[in-house]
C-alpha atoms as a PDB file:
ATOM      1  CA  UNK A   1     122.863 171.476 136.230  1.00  0.00           C
ATOM      2  CA  UNK A   2     121.703 171.891 139.784  1.00  0.00           C
ATOM      3  CA  UNK A   3     121.026 175.475 140.757  1.00  0.00           C
ATOM      4  CA  UNK A   4     121.609 175.090 144.482  1.00  0.00           C
ATOM      5  CA  UNK A   5     125.387 175.630 144.558  1.00  0.00           C
ATOM      6  CA  UNK A   6     125.409 178.707 142.299  1.00  0.00           C
ATOM      7  CA  UNK A   7     122.527 180.112 144.377  1.00  0.00           C
ATOM      8  CA  UNK A   8     124.393 179.437 147.635  1.00  0.00           C
ATOM      9  CA  UNK A   9     127.536 180.988 146.138  1.00  0.00           C
ATOM     10  CA  UNK A  10     125.621 184.091 145.050  1.00  0.00           C
ATOM     11  CA  UNK A  11     124.145 184.461 148.541  1.00  0.00           C
ATOM     12  CA  UNK A  12     127.576 184.021 150.100  1.00  0.00           C
ATOM     13  CA  UNK A  13     128.959 186.584 147.652  1.00  0.00           C
ATOM     14  CA  UNK A  14     126.434 189.077 148.981  1.00  0.00           C
ATOM     15  CA  UNK A  15     127.348 188.127 152.562  1.00  0.00           C
ATOM     16  CA  UNK A  16     131.034 188.567 151.714  1.00  0.00           C
ATOM     17  CA  UNK A  17     130.396 192.151 150.602  1.00  0.00           C
ATOM     18  CA  UNK A  18     128.415 192.843 153.777  1.00  0.00           C
ATOM     19  CA  UNK A  19     131.159 191.345 155.969  1.00  0.00           C
ATOM     20  CA  UNK A  20     133.848 193.270 154.107  1.00  0.00           C
ATOM     21  CA  UNK A  21     131.991 196.542 154.587  1.00  0.00           C
ATOM     22  CA  UNK A  22     131.324 195.681 158.239  1.00  0.00           C
ATOM     23  CA  UNK A  23     135.017 195.009 158.777  1.00  0.00           C
ATOM     24  CA  UNK A  24     136.133 198.142 156.964  1.00  0.00           C
ATOM     25  CA  UNK A  25     133.710 200.468 158.721  1.00  0.00           C
ATOM     26  CA  UNK A  26     132.211 199.093 161.931  1.00  0.00           C
ATOM     27  CA  UNK A  27     135.222 197.104 163.105  1.00  0.00           C
ATOM     28  CA  UNK A  28     137.894 199.554 161.974  1.00  0.00           C
ATOM     29  CA  UNK A  29     138.000 201.354 165.304  1.00  0.00           C
ATOM     30  CA  UNK A  30     137.048 198.326 167.407  1.00  0.00           C
ATOM     31  CA  UNK A  31     139.779 195.845 166.508  1.00  0.00           C
ATOM     32  CA  UNK A  32     143.533 195.858 166.743  1.00  0.00           C
ATOM     33  CA  UNK A  33     145.212 196.158 163.311  1.00  0.00           C
ATOM     34  CA  UNK A  34     146.299 192.497 163.435  1.00  0.00           C
ATOM     35  CA  UNK A  35     142.744 191.309 164.148  1.00  0.00           C
ATOM     36  CA  UNK A  36     141.342 193.529 161.418  1.00  0.00           C
ATOM     37  CA  UNK A  37     143.898 192.121 158.975  1.00  0.00           C
ATOM     38  CA  UNK A  38     142.850 188.582 159.957  1.00  0.00           C
ATOM     39  CA  UNK A  39     139.199 189.493 159.424  1.00  0.00           C
ATOM     40  CA  UNK A  40     140.071 190.821 155.958  1.00  0.00           C
ATOM     41  CA  UNK A  41     141.897 187.552 155.197  1.00  0.00           C
ATOM     42  CA  UNK A  42     138.731 185.633 156.061  1.00  0.00           C
ATOM     43  CA  UNK A  43     136.702 187.863 153.743  1.00  0.00           C
ATOM     44  CA  UNK A  44     139.238 187.521 150.922  1.00  0.00           C
ATOM     45  CA  UNK A  45     139.377 183.712 151.083  1.00  0.00           C
ATOM     46  CA  UNK A  46     135.602 183.567 151.280  1.00  0.00           C
ATOM     47  CA  UNK A  47     135.230 185.638 148.112  1.00  0.00           C
ATOM     48  CA  UNK A  48     137.870 183.649 146.237  1.00  0.00           C
ATOM     49  CA  UNK A  49     136.014 180.438 146.975  1.00  0.00           C
ATOM     50  CA  UNK A  50     132.580 181.907 146.252  1.00  0.00           C
ATOM     51  CA  UNK A  51     133.859 182.819 142.787  1.00  0.00           C
ATOM     52  CA  UNK A  52     135.461 179.394 142.436  1.00  0.00           C
ATOM     53  CA  UNK A  53     132.131 177.690 143.229  1.00  0.00           C
ATOM     54  CA  UNK A  54     130.438 179.745 140.512  1.00  0.00           C
ATOM     55  CA  UNK A  55     133.148 178.959 137.952  1.00  0.00           C
ATOM     56  CA  UNK A  56     133.189 175.268 138.815  1.00  0.00           C
ATOM     57  CA  UNK A  57     129.421 174.964 138.519  1.00  0.00           C
ATOM     58  CA  UNK A  58     129.314 176.611 135.113  1.00  0.00           C
ATOM     59  CA  UNK A  59     132.186 174.598 133.685  1.00  0.00           C
ATOM     60  CA  UNK A  60     131.068 172.292 130.878  1.00  0.00           C
ATOM     61  CA  UNK A  61     134.167 170.146 131.459  1.00  0.00           C
ATOM     62  CA  UNK A  62     133.081 168.697 134.795  1.00  0.00           C
ATOM     63  CA  UNK A  63     130.485 166.112 135.678  1.00  0.00           C
ATOM     64  CA  UNK A  64     127.692 167.088 138.034  1.00  0.00           C
ATOM     65  CA  UNK A  65     129.167 164.746 140.633  1.00  0.00           C
ATOM     66  CA  UNK A  66     132.508 166.566 140.503  1.00  0.00           C
ATOM     67  CA  UNK A  67     130.817 169.963 140.674  1.00  0.00           C
ATOM     68  CA  UNK A  68     128.852 168.882 143.733  1.00  0.00           C
ATOM     69  CA  UNK A  69     131.864 167.390 145.513  1.00  0.00           C
ATOM     70  CA  UNK A  70     134.080 170.412 144.858  1.00  0.00           C
ATOM     71  CA  UNK A  71     131.321 172.842 145.865  1.00  0.00           C
ATOM     72  CA  UNK A  72     130.723 170.975 149.112  1.00  0.00           C
ATOM     73  CA  UNK A  73     134.426 170.990 149.985  1.00  0.00           C
ATOM     74  CA  UNK A  74     134.690 174.718 149.276  1.00  0.00           C
ATOM     75  CA  UNK A  75     131.560 175.474 151.321  1.00  0.00           C
ATOM     76  CA  UNK A  76     132.891 173.527 154.293  1.00  0.00           C
ATOM     77  CA  UNK A  77     136.207 175.336 153.857  1.00  0.00           C
ATOM     78  CA  UNK A  78     134.449 178.712 153.894  1.00  0.00           C
ATOM     79  CA  UNK A  79     132.514 177.808 157.020  1.00  0.00           C
ATOM     80  CA  UNK A  80     135.525 176.467 158.914  1.00  0.00           C
ATOM     81  CA  UNK A  81     138.339 178.705 157.627  1.00  0.00           C
ATOM     82  CA  UNK A  82     136.639 182.058 157.184  1.00  0.00           C
ATOM     83  CA  UNK A  83     134.072 181.440 159.913  1.00  0.00           C
ATOM     84  CA  UNK A  84     136.697 180.637 162.518  1.00  0.00           C
ATOM     85  CA  UNK A  85     138.756 183.671 161.516  1.00  0.00           C
ATOM     86  CA  UNK A  86     135.690 185.900 161.892  1.00  0.00           C
ATOM     87  CA  UNK A  87     134.876 184.696 165.393  1.00  0.00           C
ATOM     88  CA  UNK A  88     138.512 184.761 166.533  1.00  0.00           C
ATOM     89  CA  UNK A  89     139.244 188.204 165.043  1.00  0.00           C
ATOM     90  CA  UNK A  90     136.165 189.750 166.626  1.00  0.00           C
ATOM     91  CA  UNK A  91     136.933 188.174 169.998  1.00  0.00           C
ATOM     92  CA  UNK A  92     133.716 186.168 170.164  1.00  0.00           C
ATOM     93  CA  UNK A  93     135.768 183.043 170.915  1.00  0.00           C
ATOM     94  CA  UNK A  94     139.336 182.803 172.114  1.00  0.00           C
ATOM     95  CA  UNK A  95     141.786 181.486 169.502  1.00  0.00           C
ATOM     96  CA  UNK A  96     143.192 178.897 171.917  1.00  0.00           C
ATOM     97  CA  UNK A  97     139.731 177.297 172.092  1.00  0.00           C
ATOM     98  CA  UNK A  98     139.247 176.721 168.356  1.00  0.00           C
ATOM     99  CA  UNK A  99     142.732 177.181 166.871  1.00  0.00           C
ATOM    100  CA  UNK A 100     142.506 173.872 164.981  1.00  0.00           C
ATOM    101  CA  UNK A 101     139.393 174.834 162.996  1.00  0.00           C
ATOM    102  CA  UNK A 102     141.113 177.378 160.741  1.00  0.00           C
ATOM    103  CA  UNK A 103     143.724 174.955 159.338  1.00  0.00           C
ATOM    104  CA  UNK A 104     141.046 172.291 159.025  1.00  0.00           C
ATOM    105  CA  UNK A 105     139.075 174.714 156.840  1.00  0.00           C
ATOM    106  CA  UNK A 106     142.239 175.312 154.820  1.00  0.00           C
ATOM    107  CA  UNK A 107     142.531 171.557 154.341  1.00  0.00           C
ATOM    108  CA  UNK A 108     139.018 171.469 152.872  1.00  0.00           C
ATOM    109  CA  UNK A 109     140.035 174.232 150.451  1.00  0.00           C
ATOM    110  CA  UNK A 110     143.106 172.222 149.418  1.00  0.00           C
ATOM    111  CA  UNK A 111     141.011 169.063 148.966  1.00  0.00           C
ATOM    112  CA  UNK A 112     138.527 170.987 146.837  1.00  0.00           C
ATOM    113  CA  UNK A 113     141.320 172.256 144.588  1.00  0.00           C
ATOM    114  CA  UNK A 114     142.827 168.763 144.408  1.00  0.00           C
ATOM    115  CA  UNK A 115     139.488 167.238 143.368  1.00  0.00           C
ATOM    116  CA  UNK A 116     139.055 170.074 140.845  1.00  0.00           C
ATOM    117  CA  UNK A 117     142.508 169.382 139.382  1.00  0.00           C
ATOM    118  CA  UNK A 118     141.897 165.653 139.109  1.00  0.00           C
ATOM    119  CA  UNK A 119     138.398 166.172 137.706  1.00  0.00           C
ATOM    120  CA  UNK A 120     139.638 168.536 135.010  1.00  0.00           C
ATOM    121  CA  UNK A 121     142.429 166.124 134.091  1.00  0.00           C
ATOM    122  CA  UNK A 122     140.049 163.194 133.653  1.00  0.00           C
ATOM    123  CA  UNK A 123     137.273 165.214 132.020  1.00  0.00           C
ATOM    124  CA  UNK A 124     136.361 164.899 128.406  1.00  0.00           C
ATOM    125  CA  UNK A 125     134.109 166.886 126.132  1.00  0.00           C
ATOM    126  CA  UNK A 126     131.198 164.482 126.744  1.00  0.00           C
ATOM    127  CA  UNK A 127     130.529 165.720 130.328  1.00  0.00           C
END
């Protein structure tokens, strides 16, 4: 098993906690409630997919190739989906400029789950 994806996931897990605390405390009085809720959505989806990367990489049912492909799709999804929500919610970039990035990140999440589904269905105990 390669250690890179679990290590990246663990680092992103730590970053997720930092971002969540930052949103809950530092941004609480700075953002409109709708923007703060969007920020929290970005944090939530990031954590879900960090945990998914860890679970995928420790699954004995998947080949290393599948683990790598799924991890890469989830990481791109985190960057595009959560990342774009963070910059839009905090006002660093106007939503109309990068509106298409968030759904593109969601598409990478969906593709990762699709590849995970197909990989589990075709797996056998020899992987």
